[in-house]
Amino acid sequence: MAAAAAETGRMDPSDALAPRPASALQQRAGDLDRSAVCDELSAHFAAGRLREDELDARLGAAVHATTLLELRRLTADLPLRTSVAPPVVVVRPVWTALDVVALLAVIGCLGLAGLLMLGLAVGGAGWMAALGFLGGSVAAVGGAALTHLAHRGHARLRAAAEQDAQRPRIA
């Protein structure tokens, strides 16, 4: 793996923290090396192993480090992390075709209900039964569509709360 990295000129960010021979530690540090050490220091701060002033001092030294040995010294007194937590991917639910149909049904029901109210105000007694049946149907469809959208919104809130609960907290 190190040979492939040497051929491509790219290093795995975790390589900055891997044990190396003393001669290799005299090599100049790259941005990926500095970034890996800064991430490591931040993880140790989050775990409570470093105070804020220590973190600031070490991060400043990491940013200005010129050799891998300088970077290694910044984490020498800290335990190695055994696993790296995968990045949290926020997945936002997308609107489905059913969501769009439900929204259009709510808008259509509101428009039709407005027309029915106008018809009741203008029409005679014979139209009352037909308009009442049509109005009840419109209310049923609109209510079902609105219920679907409400459940969808509740599911989004629940998913956001679960994602928020999984985030690590820094005291």
C-alpha atoms as a PDB file:
ATOM      1  CA  MET A   1       0.000   0.000   0.000  1.00  0.00           C
ATOM      2  CA  ALA A   2       2.876   2.322   0.792  1.00  0.00           C
ATOM      3  CA  ALA A   3       4.444   1.497  -2.572  1.00  0.00           C
ATOM      4  CA  ALA A   4       1.209   2.406  -4.360  1.00  0.00           C
ATOM      5  CA  ALA A   5       1.064   5.645  -2.399  1.00  0.00           C
ATOM      6  CA  ALA A   6       4.646   6.427  -3.316  1.00  0.00           C
ATOM      7  CA  GLU A   7       3.927   5.798  -6.998  1.00  0.00           C
ATOM      8  CA  THR A   8       0.839   7.998  -7.112  1.00  0.00           C
ATOM      9  CA  GLY A   9       2.212  10.674  -4.826  1.00  0.00           C
ATOM     10  CA  ARG A  10      -0.857  10.395  -2.590  1.00  0.00           C
ATOM     11  CA  MET A  11      -0.879   9.341   1.028  1.00  0.00           C
ATOM     12  CA  ASP A  12      -3.654   7.932   3.096  1.00  0.00           C
ATOM     13  CA  PRO A  13      -4.457  10.536   5.799  1.00  0.00           C
ATOM     14  CA  SER A  14      -4.046   7.890   8.511  1.00  0.00           C
ATOM     15  CA  ASP A  15      -0.430   7.301   7.343  1.00  0.00           C
ATOM     16  CA  ALA A  16       0.706  10.400   9.243  1.00  0.00           C
ATOM     17  CA  LEU A  17      -0.072   8.591  12.487  1.00  0.00           C
ATOM     18  CA  ALA A  18       1.302   5.160  11.492  1.00  0.00           C
ATOM     19  CA  PRO A  19       4.607   4.019  13.013  1.00  0.00           C
ATOM     20  CA  ARG A  20       7.566   4.833  10.749  1.00  0.00           C
ATOM     21  CA  PRO A  21      11.314   4.467  10.838  1.00  0.00           C
ATOM     22  CA  ALA A  22      13.187   7.457  12.282  1.00  0.00           C
ATOM     23  CA  SER A  23      14.564   8.440   8.858  1.00  0.00           C
ATOM     24  CA  ALA A  24      11.052   8.582   7.365  1.00  0.00           C
ATOM     25  CA  LEU A  25       9.900  10.910  10.145  1.00  0.00           C
ATOM     26  CA  GLN A  26      12.405  13.526   8.948  1.00  0.00           C
ATOM     27  CA  GLN A  27      10.432  13.875   5.694  1.00  0.00           C
ATOM     28  CA  ARG A  28       8.413  17.007   5.122  1.00  0.00           C
ATOM     29  CA  ALA A  29       4.770  16.849   6.155  1.00  0.00           C
ATOM     30  CA  GLY A  30       2.005  17.476   3.642  1.00  0.00           C
ATOM     31  CA  ASP A  31      -1.437  18.991   4.017  1.00  0.00           C
ATOM     32  CA  LEU A  32      -3.058  15.546   4.306  1.00  0.00           C
ATOM     33  CA  ASP A  33      -0.643  14.646   7.132  1.00  0.00           C
ATOM     34  CA  ARG A  34      -1.432  17.857   9.012  1.00  0.00           C
ATOM     35  CA  SER A  35      -5.152  17.368   8.470  1.00  0.00           C
ATOM     36  CA  ALA A  36      -5.034  13.785   9.792  1.00  0.00           C
ATOM     37  CA  VAL A  37      -3.243  14.908  12.951  1.00  0.00           C
ATOM     38  CA  CYS A  38      -5.731  17.766  13.464  1.00  0.00           C
ATOM     39  CA  ASP A  39      -8.607  15.295  13.119  1.00  0.00           C
ATOM     40  CA  GLU A  40      -6.922  12.967  15.600  1.00  0.00           C
ATOM     41  CA  LEU A  41      -6.411  15.784  18.095  1.00  0.00           C
ATOM     42  CA  SER A  42     -10.044  16.857  17.736  1.00  0.00           C
ATOM     43  CA  ALA A  43     -11.197  13.295  18.425  1.00  0.00           C
ATOM     44  CA  HIS A  44      -9.065  13.179  21.583  1.00  0.00           C
ATOM     45  CA  PHE A  45     -10.536  16.523  22.672  1.00  0.00           C
ATOM     46  CA  ALA A  46     -14.046  15.146  22.112  1.00  0.00           C
ATOM     47  CA  ALA A  47     -13.100  12.085  24.201  1.00  0.00           C
ATOM     48  CA  GLY A  48     -11.955  14.374  27.036  1.00  0.00           C
ATOM     49  CA  ARG A  49      -8.240  13.591  26.825  1.00  0.00           C
ATOM     50  CA  LEU A  50      -7.257  17.173  25.978  1.00  0.00           C
ATOM     51  CA  ARG A  51      -8.302  20.486  27.482  1.00  0.00           C
ATOM     52  CA  GLU A  52      -9.307  23.296  25.165  1.00  0.00           C
ATOM     53  CA  ASP A  53      -6.063  25.214  25.675  1.00  0.00           C
ATOM     54  CA  GLU A  54      -4.032  22.063  24.936  1.00  0.00           C
ATOM     55  CA  LEU A  55      -6.069  21.444  21.802  1.00  0.00           C
ATOM     56  CA  ASP A  56      -5.504  25.007  20.586  1.00  0.00           C
ATOM     57  CA  ALA A  57      -1.766  24.796  21.198  1.00  0.00           C
ATOM     58  CA  ARG A  58      -1.425  21.418  19.478  1.00  0.00           C
ATOM     59  CA  LEU A  59      -3.587  22.412  16.518  1.00  0.00           C
ATOM     60  CA  GLY A  60      -1.465  25.520  16.020  1.00  0.00           C
ATOM     61  CA  ALA A  61       1.685  23.417  16.138  1.00  0.00           C
ATOM     62  CA  ALA A  62       0.181  20.881  13.720  1.00  0.00           C
ATOM     63  CA  VAL A  63      -0.696  23.550  11.186  1.00  0.00           C
ATOM     64  CA  HIS A  64       2.843  24.944  11.312  1.00  0.00           C
ATOM     65  CA  ALA A  65       4.660  21.573  11.451  1.00  0.00           C
ATOM     66  CA  THR A  66       7.190  21.007   8.677  1.00  0.00           C
ATOM     67  CA  THR A  67       8.221  17.382   9.320  1.00  0.00           C
ATOM     68  CA  LEU A  68       6.400  14.190  10.138  1.00  0.00           C
ATOM     69  CA  LEU A  69       8.423  13.957  13.362  1.00  0.00           C
ATOM     70  CA  GLU A  70       6.902  17.236  14.599  1.00  0.00           C
ATOM     71  CA  LEU A  71       3.437  15.854  13.867  1.00  0.00           C
ATOM     72  CA  ARG A  72       4.231  12.539  15.601  1.00  0.00           C
ATOM     73  CA  ARG A  73       5.327  14.373  18.771  1.00  0.00           C
ATOM     74  CA  LEU A  74       1.922  16.101  18.989  1.00  0.00           C
ATOM     75  CA  THR A  75       0.112  12.778  19.427  1.00  0.00           C
ATOM     76  CA  ALA A  76       2.852  10.702  21.091  1.00  0.00           C
ATOM     77  CA  ASP A  77       1.280  10.890  24.570  1.00  0.00           C
ATOM     78  CA  LEU A  78      -2.209  10.035  23.309  1.00  0.00           C
ATOM     79  CA  PRO A  79      -3.575   6.510  22.705  1.00  0.00           C
ATOM     80  CA  LEU A  80      -4.027   5.411  19.117  1.00  0.00           C
ATOM     81  CA  ARG A  81      -7.592   5.351  17.907  1.00  0.00           C
ATOM     82  CA  THR A  82      -8.609   1.834  16.986  1.00  0.00           C
ATOM     83  CA  SER A  83     -11.504   2.720  14.745  1.00  0.00           C
ATOM     84  CA  VAL A  84     -12.622   5.746  12.851  1.00  0.00           C
ATOM     85  CA  ALA A  85     -16.326   6.513  12.990  1.00  0.00           C
ATOM     86  CA  PRO A  86     -17.875   6.796   9.552  1.00  0.00           C
ATOM     87  CA  PRO A  87     -19.023  10.262   8.596  1.00  0.00           C
ATOM     88  CA  VAL A  88     -22.661  10.996   9.318  1.00  0.00           C
ATOM     89  CA  VAL A  89     -24.593  11.201   6.073  1.00  0.00           C
ATOM     90  CA  VAL A  90     -27.749  13.248   6.274  1.00  0.00           C
ATOM     91  CA  VAL A  91     -30.407  11.735   4.062  1.00  0.00           C
ATOM     92  CA  ARG A  92     -33.338  13.995   3.429  1.00  0.00           C
ATOM     93  CA  PRO A  93     -36.537  12.266   2.333  1.00  0.00           C
ATOM     94  CA  VAL A  94     -37.518  13.351  -1.144  1.00  0.00           C
ATOM     95  CA  TRP A  95     -41.018  14.073  -2.307  1.00  0.00           C
ATOM     96  CA  THR A  96     -42.651  11.032  -3.843  1.00  0.00           C
ATOM     97  CA  ALA A  97     -45.340  11.035  -6.508  1.00  0.00           C
ATOM     98  CA  LEU A  98     -47.883  10.296  -3.764  1.00  0.00           C
ATOM     99  CA  ASP A  99     -46.803  13.424  -1.880  1.00  0.00           C
ATOM    100  CA  VAL A 100     -47.345  15.569  -4.978  1.00  0.00           C
ATOM    101  CA  VAL A 101     -50.746  13.983  -5.642  1.00  0.00           C
ATOM    102  CA  ALA A 102     -51.763  14.574  -2.011  1.00  0.00           C
ATOM    103  CA  LEU A 103     -50.687  18.215  -2.190  1.00  0.00           C
ATOM    104  CA  LEU A 104     -52.585  18.730  -5.446  1.00  0.00           C
ATOM    105  CA  ALA A 105     -55.644  17.032  -3.890  1.00  0.00           C
ATOM    106  CA  VAL A 106     -55.560  19.438  -0.950  1.00  0.00           C
ATOM    107  CA  ILE A 107     -55.300  22.455  -3.281  1.00  0.00           C
ATOM    108  CA  GLY A 108     -58.033  21.093  -5.557  1.00  0.00           C
ATOM    109  CA  CYS A 109     -60.316  20.336  -2.612  1.00  0.00           C
ATOM    110  CA  LEU A 110     -59.912  23.840  -1.237  1.00  0.00           C
ATOM    111  CA  GLY A 111     -60.723  25.328  -4.637  1.00  0.00           C
ATOM    112  CA  LEU A 112     -63.748  23.074  -5.152  1.00  0.00           C
ATOM    113  CA  ALA A 113     -64.976  23.770  -1.634  1.00  0.00           C
ATOM    114  CA  GLY A 114     -64.843  27.484  -2.420  1.00  0.00           C
ATOM    115  CA  LEU A 115     -66.920  26.929  -5.558  1.00  0.00           C
ATOM    116  CA  LEU A 116     -69.415  24.827  -3.598  1.00  0.00           C
ATOM    117  CA  MET A 117     -69.814  27.566  -1.015  1.00  0.00           C
ATOM    118  CA  LEU A 118     -70.495  30.002  -3.844  1.00  0.00           C
ATOM    119  CA  GLY A 119     -73.029  27.558  -5.349  1.00  0.00           C
ATOM    120  CA  LEU A 120     -74.822  27.186  -2.041  1.00  0.00           C
ATOM    121  CA  ALA A 121     -75.074  30.931  -1.651  1.00  0.00           C
ATOM    122  CA  VAL A 122     -76.449  31.424  -5.164  1.00  0.00           C
ATOM    123  CA  GLY A 123     -78.310  28.145  -5.888  1.00  0.00           C
ATOM    124  CA  GLY A 124     -81.750  27.023  -4.869  1.00  0.00           C
ATOM    125  CA  ALA A 125     -82.895  24.280  -2.488  1.00  0.00           C
ATOM    126  CA  GLY A 126     -82.727  21.518  -5.156  1.00  0.00           C
ATOM    127  CA  TRP A 127     -79.000  21.860  -5.480  1.00  0.00           C
ATOM    128  CA  MET A 128     -78.432  21.661  -1.733  1.00  0.00           C
ATOM    129  CA  ALA A 129     -78.409  17.835  -1.584  1.00  0.00           C
ATOM    130  CA  ALA A 130     -76.048  17.452  -4.554  1.00  0.00           C
ATOM    131  CA  LEU A 131     -73.739  20.162  -3.284  1.00  0.00           C
ATOM    132  CA  GLY A 132     -73.776  18.642   0.213  1.00  0.00           C
ATOM    133  CA  PHE A 133     -72.763  15.225  -1.166  1.00  0.00           C
ATOM    134  CA  LEU A 134     -70.063  16.769  -3.336  1.00  0.00           C
ATOM    135  CA  GLY A 135     -68.845  18.907  -0.442  1.00  0.00           C
ATOM    136  CA  GLY A 136     -68.581  15.845   1.809  1.00  0.00           C
ATOM    137  CA  SER A 137     -66.586  14.012  -0.864  1.00  0.00           C
ATOM    138  CA  VAL A 138     -64.266  16.972  -1.278  1.00  0.00           C
ATOM    139  CA  ALA A 139     -63.746  17.126   2.479  1.00  0.00           C
ATOM    140  CA  ALA A 140     -62.969  13.398   2.628  1.00  0.00           C
ATOM    141  CA  VAL A 141     -60.387  13.544  -0.174  1.00  0.00           C
ATOM    142  CA  GLY A 142     -58.844  16.706   1.212  1.00  0.00           C
ATOM    143  CA  GLY A 143     -58.713  15.264   4.710  1.00  0.00           C
ATOM    144  CA  ALA A 144     -57.034  12.076   3.490  1.00  0.00           C
ATOM    145  CA  ALA A 145     -54.462  14.073   1.522  1.00  0.00           C
ATOM    146  CA  LEU A 146     -53.816  16.382   4.440  1.00  0.00           C
ATOM    147  CA  THR A 147     -53.408  13.389   6.765  1.00  0.00           C
ATOM    148  CA  HIS A 148     -50.847  11.897   4.375  1.00  0.00           C
ATOM    149  CA  LEU A 149     -48.856  15.118   4.346  1.00  0.00           C
ATOM    150  CA  ALA A 150     -49.063  15.382   8.153  1.00  0.00           C
ATOM    151  CA  HIS A 151     -47.736  11.828   8.565  1.00  0.00           C
ATOM    152  CA  ARG A 152     -44.953  12.623   6.103  1.00  0.00           C
ATOM    153  CA  GLY A 153     -43.968  15.714   8.104  1.00  0.00           C
ATOM    154  CA  HIS A 154     -44.027  13.719  11.342  1.00  0.00           C
ATOM    155  CA  ALA A 155     -41.757  11.077   9.787  1.00  0.00           C
ATOM    156  CA  ARG A 156     -39.302  13.797   8.728  1.00  0.00           C
ATOM    157  CA  LEU A 157     -39.226  15.239  12.251  1.00  0.00           C
ATOM    158  CA  ARG A 158     -38.697  11.786  13.757  1.00  0.00           C
ATOM    159  CA  ALA A 159     -35.832  11.039  11.321  1.00  0.00           C
ATOM    160  CA  ALA A 160     -34.191  14.390  12.111  1.00  0.00           C
ATOM    161  CA  ALA A 161     -34.500  13.725  15.857  1.00  0.00           C
ATOM    162  CA  GLU A 162     -32.918  10.278  15.461  1.00  0.00           C
ATOM    163  CA  GLN A 163     -30.007  11.748  13.483  1.00  0.00           C
ATOM    164  CA  ASP A 164     -29.556  14.468  16.082  1.00  0.00           C
ATOM    165  CA  ALA A 165     -29.526  11.876  18.867  1.00  0.00           C
ATOM    166  CA  GLN A 166     -26.724   9.951  17.114  1.00  0.00           C
ATOM    167  CA  ARG A 167     -24.394  12.962  16.918  1.00  0.00           C
ATOM    168  CA  PRO A 168     -21.623  12.970  19.490  1.00  0.00           C
ATOM    169  CA  ARG A 169     -21.976  15.657  22.116  1.00  0.00           C
ATOM    170  CA  ILE A 170     -19.039  17.742  23.275  1.00  0.00           C
ATOM    171  CA  ALA A 171     -19.433  18.844  26.864  1.00  0.00           C
END
